[in-house]
Amino acid sequence: MLRINCPVCGLRDETEFSYGADATVKRPFMDDTDPSAWLDYVFNRDNPRGAHKEYWHHVQGCRQWLVLARNTLTHEMGECHLARETN
């Protein structure tokens, strides 16, 4: 089982969280009319092996969205912070 260190609630089981998405994907600007940019944003994703940043929602806790650095190969957890604090 994965254990996520929520910056609000502390160390918790992954069962309290819901995976959100890849935190490295950037949304195109709303006035971007290039269909390929929107196609890539909505449907095309990399499947990284190794260090990766992900959005997680603490559904059964503080209900905050988090950005978690996780190694997809070893499941080692890295830095975790509130998504609203991301630039």
N, C-alpha and C. Protein backbone atom coordinates (compact mmCIF):
# COMPACT_ATOMS: atom_id res chain seq x y z
N MET A 1 0.83 -1.18 0.00
CA MET A 1 0.00 0.00 0.00
C MET A 1 0.88 1.25 0.00
N LEU A 2 0.47 2.24 -0.75
CA LEU A 2 1.18 3.51 -0.78
C LEU A 2 0.77 4.35 0.42
N ARG A 3 1.69 5.12 0.93
CA ARG A 3 1.42 6.05 2.03
C ARG A 3 1.78 7.44 1.51
N ILE A 4 0.82 8.35 1.58
CA ILE A 4 1.01 9.71 1.08
C ILE A 4 1.08 10.66 2.26
N ASN A 5 2.09 11.52 2.26
CA ASN A 5 2.28 12.48 3.35
C ASN A 5 1.57 13.78 2.99
N CYS A 6 0.31 13.89 3.37
CA CYS A 6 -0.49 15.08 3.10
C CYS A 6 0.07 16.24 3.92
N PRO A 7 0.30 17.41 3.31
CA PRO A 7 0.84 18.53 4.07
C PRO A 7 -0.13 19.08 5.12
N VAL A 8 -1.42 18.73 5.02
CA VAL A 8 -2.41 19.20 5.99
C VAL A 8 -2.65 18.14 7.07
N CYS A 9 -2.84 16.88 6.66
CA CYS A 9 -3.27 15.81 7.58
C CYS A 9 -2.14 14.89 8.04
N GLY A 10 -0.99 14.92 7.39
CA GLY A 10 0.10 14.03 7.74
C GLY A 10 0.07 12.75 6.91
N LEU A 11 0.79 11.74 7.35
CA LEU A 11 0.94 10.48 6.61
C LEU A 11 -0.37 9.68 6.62
N ARG A 12 -0.87 9.34 5.42
CA ARG A 12 -2.14 8.63 5.29
C ARG A 12 -2.04 7.53 4.23
N ASP A 13 -2.93 6.54 4.32
CA ASP A 13 -3.00 5.47 3.32
C ASP A 13 -3.54 6.02 2.01
N GLU A 14 -3.12 5.42 0.92
CA GLU A 14 -3.58 5.87 -0.39
C GLU A 14 -5.08 5.70 -0.58
N THR A 15 -5.71 4.84 0.21
CA THR A 15 -7.14 4.60 0.08
C THR A 15 -7.96 5.85 0.41
N GLU A 16 -7.36 6.84 1.09
CA GLU A 16 -8.05 8.09 1.39
C GLU A 16 -8.00 9.07 0.22
N PHE A 17 -7.22 8.75 -0.80
CA PHE A 17 -6.97 9.66 -1.91
C PHE A 17 -7.53 9.12 -3.21
N SER A 18 -7.71 10.02 -4.14
CA SER A 18 -8.12 9.65 -5.49
C SER A 18 -7.12 10.28 -6.46
N TYR A 19 -6.60 9.45 -7.39
CA TYR A 19 -5.66 9.96 -8.38
C TYR A 19 -6.37 10.95 -9.28
N GLY A 20 -5.71 12.07 -9.58
CA GLY A 20 -6.32 13.09 -10.42
C GLY A 20 -5.82 13.06 -11.84
N ALA A 21 -4.53 13.32 -12.04
CA ALA A 21 -3.99 13.41 -13.39
C ALA A 21 -2.49 13.65 -13.33
N ASP A 22 -1.91 13.69 -14.51
CA ASP A 22 -0.51 14.05 -14.68
C ASP A 22 -0.37 15.54 -14.38
N ALA A 23 0.47 15.90 -13.43
CA ALA A 23 0.61 17.30 -13.03
C ALA A 23 1.55 18.09 -13.94
N THR A 24 2.11 17.45 -14.96
CA THR A 24 3.03 18.16 -15.85
C THR A 24 2.37 18.60 -17.15
N VAL A 25 1.15 18.15 -17.40
CA VAL A 25 0.45 18.51 -18.64
C VAL A 25 -0.06 19.94 -18.54
N LYS A 26 0.23 20.74 -19.56
CA LYS A 26 -0.19 22.14 -19.59
C LYS A 26 -1.37 22.30 -20.54
N ARG A 27 -2.41 22.95 -20.06
CA ARG A 27 -3.61 23.18 -20.86
C ARG A 27 -3.34 24.27 -21.89
N PRO A 28 -3.82 24.09 -23.13
CA PRO A 28 -3.69 25.16 -24.12
C PRO A 28 -4.51 26.38 -23.71
N PHE A 29 -4.15 27.54 -24.23
CA PHE A 29 -4.93 28.74 -23.97
C PHE A 29 -6.32 28.58 -24.56
N MET A 30 -7.32 29.19 -23.95
CA MET A 30 -8.70 29.04 -24.39
C MET A 30 -8.92 29.52 -25.83
N ASP A 31 -8.14 30.50 -26.28
CA ASP A 31 -8.31 31.01 -27.64
C ASP A 31 -7.47 30.24 -28.67
N ASP A 32 -6.82 29.18 -28.24
CA ASP A 32 -6.04 28.35 -29.16
C ASP A 32 -7.00 27.49 -29.98
N THR A 33 -7.02 27.69 -31.29
CA THR A 33 -7.95 26.96 -32.16
C THR A 33 -7.30 25.79 -32.88
N ASP A 34 -6.05 25.49 -32.53
CA ASP A 34 -5.36 24.36 -33.16
C ASP A 34 -5.91 23.05 -32.59
N PRO A 35 -6.61 22.26 -33.40
CA PRO A 35 -7.21 21.01 -32.89
C PRO A 35 -6.17 20.02 -32.36
N SER A 36 -4.98 20.02 -32.93
CA SER A 36 -3.96 19.06 -32.47
C SER A 36 -3.50 19.38 -31.05
N ALA A 37 -3.46 20.67 -30.68
CA ALA A 37 -3.08 21.05 -29.31
C ALA A 37 -4.10 20.54 -28.31
N TRP A 38 -5.39 20.67 -28.65
CA TRP A 38 -6.44 20.18 -27.76
C TRP A 38 -6.51 18.66 -27.76
N LEU A 39 -6.28 18.03 -28.89
CA LEU A 39 -6.23 16.57 -28.96
C LEU A 39 -5.15 16.02 -28.04
N ASP A 40 -3.96 16.62 -28.11
CA ASP A 40 -2.86 16.19 -27.24
C ASP A 40 -3.20 16.40 -25.78
N TYR A 41 -3.82 17.55 -25.45
CA TYR A 41 -4.15 17.85 -24.06
C TYR A 41 -5.18 16.88 -23.48
N VAL A 42 -6.19 16.57 -24.26
CA VAL A 42 -7.29 15.75 -23.75
C VAL A 42 -6.99 14.26 -23.79
N PHE A 43 -6.37 13.78 -24.88
CA PHE A 43 -6.28 12.33 -25.08
C PHE A 43 -4.88 11.73 -25.01
N ASN A 44 -3.86 12.45 -25.41
CA ASN A 44 -2.53 11.85 -25.52
C ASN A 44 -1.70 12.09 -24.26
N ARG A 45 -1.27 11.00 -23.67
CA ARG A 45 -0.47 11.07 -22.44
C ARG A 45 0.75 10.17 -22.57
N ASP A 46 1.84 10.62 -21.95
CA ASP A 46 3.02 9.77 -21.82
C ASP A 46 2.78 8.80 -20.67
N ASN A 47 3.49 7.71 -20.69
CA ASN A 47 3.44 6.76 -19.59
C ASN A 47 4.85 6.69 -19.02
N PRO A 48 5.21 7.68 -18.17
CA PRO A 48 6.60 7.79 -17.73
C PRO A 48 7.03 6.64 -16.82
N ARG A 49 8.27 6.33 -16.91
CA ARG A 49 8.88 5.32 -16.05
C ARG A 49 9.93 6.03 -15.23
N GLY A 50 9.66 6.18 -13.96
CA GLY A 50 10.59 6.90 -13.09
C GLY A 50 9.91 8.07 -12.41
N ALA A 51 10.69 9.12 -12.13
CA ALA A 51 10.19 10.29 -11.40
C ALA A 51 9.08 10.98 -12.19
N HIS A 52 8.03 11.35 -11.49
CA HIS A 52 6.84 11.90 -12.14
C HIS A 52 6.05 12.72 -11.13
N LYS A 53 5.35 13.76 -11.57
CA LYS A 53 4.48 14.55 -10.68
C LYS A 53 3.03 14.27 -11.04
N GLU A 54 2.22 14.07 -9.99
CA GLU A 54 0.83 13.70 -10.17
C GLU A 54 -0.08 14.54 -9.27
N TYR A 55 -1.30 14.77 -9.74
CA TYR A 55 -2.34 15.38 -8.89
C TYR A 55 -3.05 14.26 -8.14
N TRP A 56 -3.27 14.47 -6.84
CA TRP A 56 -4.05 13.57 -6.00
C TRP A 56 -5.03 14.41 -5.20
N HIS A 57 -6.24 13.89 -5.01
CA HIS A 57 -7.27 14.57 -4.24
C HIS A 57 -7.47 13.82 -2.92
N HIS A 58 -7.35 14.52 -1.80
CA HIS A 58 -7.52 13.89 -0.50
C HIS A 58 -9.01 13.84 -0.17
N VAL A 59 -9.69 12.88 -0.76
CA VAL A 59 -11.14 12.75 -0.71
C VAL A 59 -11.65 12.49 0.71
N GLN A 60 -10.99 11.62 1.44
CA GLN A 60 -11.48 11.24 2.77
C GLN A 60 -10.72 11.94 3.89
N GLY A 61 -10.18 13.09 3.58
CA GLY A 61 -9.46 13.85 4.59
C GLY A 61 -9.78 15.33 4.45
N CYS A 62 -8.77 16.13 4.18
CA CYS A 62 -8.93 17.58 4.12
C CYS A 62 -9.54 18.07 2.81
N ARG A 63 -9.75 17.16 1.83
CA ARG A 63 -10.36 17.45 0.53
C ARG A 63 -9.54 18.41 -0.32
N GLN A 64 -8.25 18.52 -0.03
CA GLN A 64 -7.36 19.38 -0.81
C GLN A 64 -6.78 18.62 -2.00
N TRP A 65 -6.48 19.35 -3.07
CA TRP A 65 -5.75 18.79 -4.20
C TRP A 65 -4.27 18.94 -3.91
N LEU A 66 -3.52 17.87 -4.17
CA LEU A 66 -2.08 17.84 -3.89
C LEU A 66 -1.31 17.56 -5.17
N VAL A 67 -0.06 18.00 -5.18
CA VAL A 67 0.89 17.59 -6.22
C VAL A 67 1.92 16.71 -5.53
N LEU A 68 2.01 15.49 -6.00
CA LEU A 68 2.88 14.49 -5.38
C LEU A 68 3.95 14.05 -6.37
N ALA A 69 5.19 14.09 -5.95
CA ALA A 69 6.28 13.54 -6.76
C ALA A 69 6.38 12.07 -6.41
N ARG A 70 6.24 11.21 -7.43
CA ARG A 70 6.27 9.77 -7.19
C ARG A 70 7.08 9.10 -8.28
N ASN A 71 7.83 8.09 -7.89
CA ASN A 71 8.58 7.29 -8.85
C ASN A 71 7.66 6.16 -9.30
N THR A 72 7.27 6.15 -10.58
CA THR A 72 6.32 5.16 -11.07
C THR A 72 6.93 3.78 -11.20
N LEU A 73 8.24 3.70 -11.12
CA LEU A 73 8.91 2.40 -11.20
C LEU A 73 9.02 1.74 -9.83
N THR A 74 9.39 2.53 -8.82
CA THR A 74 9.60 1.97 -7.47
C THR A 74 8.48 2.34 -6.50
N HIS A 75 7.58 3.23 -6.88
CA HIS A 75 6.50 3.76 -6.03
C HIS A 75 7.03 4.54 -4.84
N GLU A 76 8.27 4.98 -4.90
CA GLU A 76 8.83 5.82 -3.84
C GLU A 76 8.17 7.19 -3.89
N MET A 77 7.74 7.68 -2.73
CA MET A 77 7.08 8.97 -2.64
C MET A 77 8.11 10.06 -2.38
N GLY A 78 7.93 11.17 -3.07
CA GLY A 78 8.81 12.32 -2.88
C GLY A 78 8.06 13.46 -2.24
N GLU A 79 8.37 14.67 -2.68
CA GLU A 79 7.75 15.87 -2.14
C GLU A 79 6.25 15.91 -2.44
N CYS A 80 5.49 16.40 -1.49
CA CYS A 80 4.05 16.55 -1.65
C CYS A 80 3.66 17.93 -1.14
N HIS A 81 2.95 18.71 -1.97
CA HIS A 81 2.50 20.03 -1.54
C HIS A 81 1.12 20.31 -2.11
N LEU A 82 0.47 21.33 -1.57
CA LEU A 82 -0.86 21.71 -2.03
C LEU A 82 -0.79 22.21 -3.47
N ALA A 83 -1.75 21.81 -4.29
CA ALA A 83 -1.74 22.19 -5.71
C ALA A 83 -1.89 23.68 -5.87
N ARG A 84 -2.59 24.34 -5.00
CA ARG A 84 -2.77 25.80 -5.12
C ARG A 84 -1.47 26.56 -4.90
N GLU A 85 -0.45 25.90 -4.34
CA GLU A 85 0.85 26.53 -4.13
C GLU A 85 1.79 26.34 -5.31
N THR A 86 1.32 25.67 -6.37
CA THR A 86 2.12 25.44 -7.55
C THR A 86 2.06 26.64 -8.47
N ASN A 87 3.23 27.05 -8.96
CA ASN A 87 3.28 28.20 -9.90
C ASN A 87 2.99 27.77 -11.29
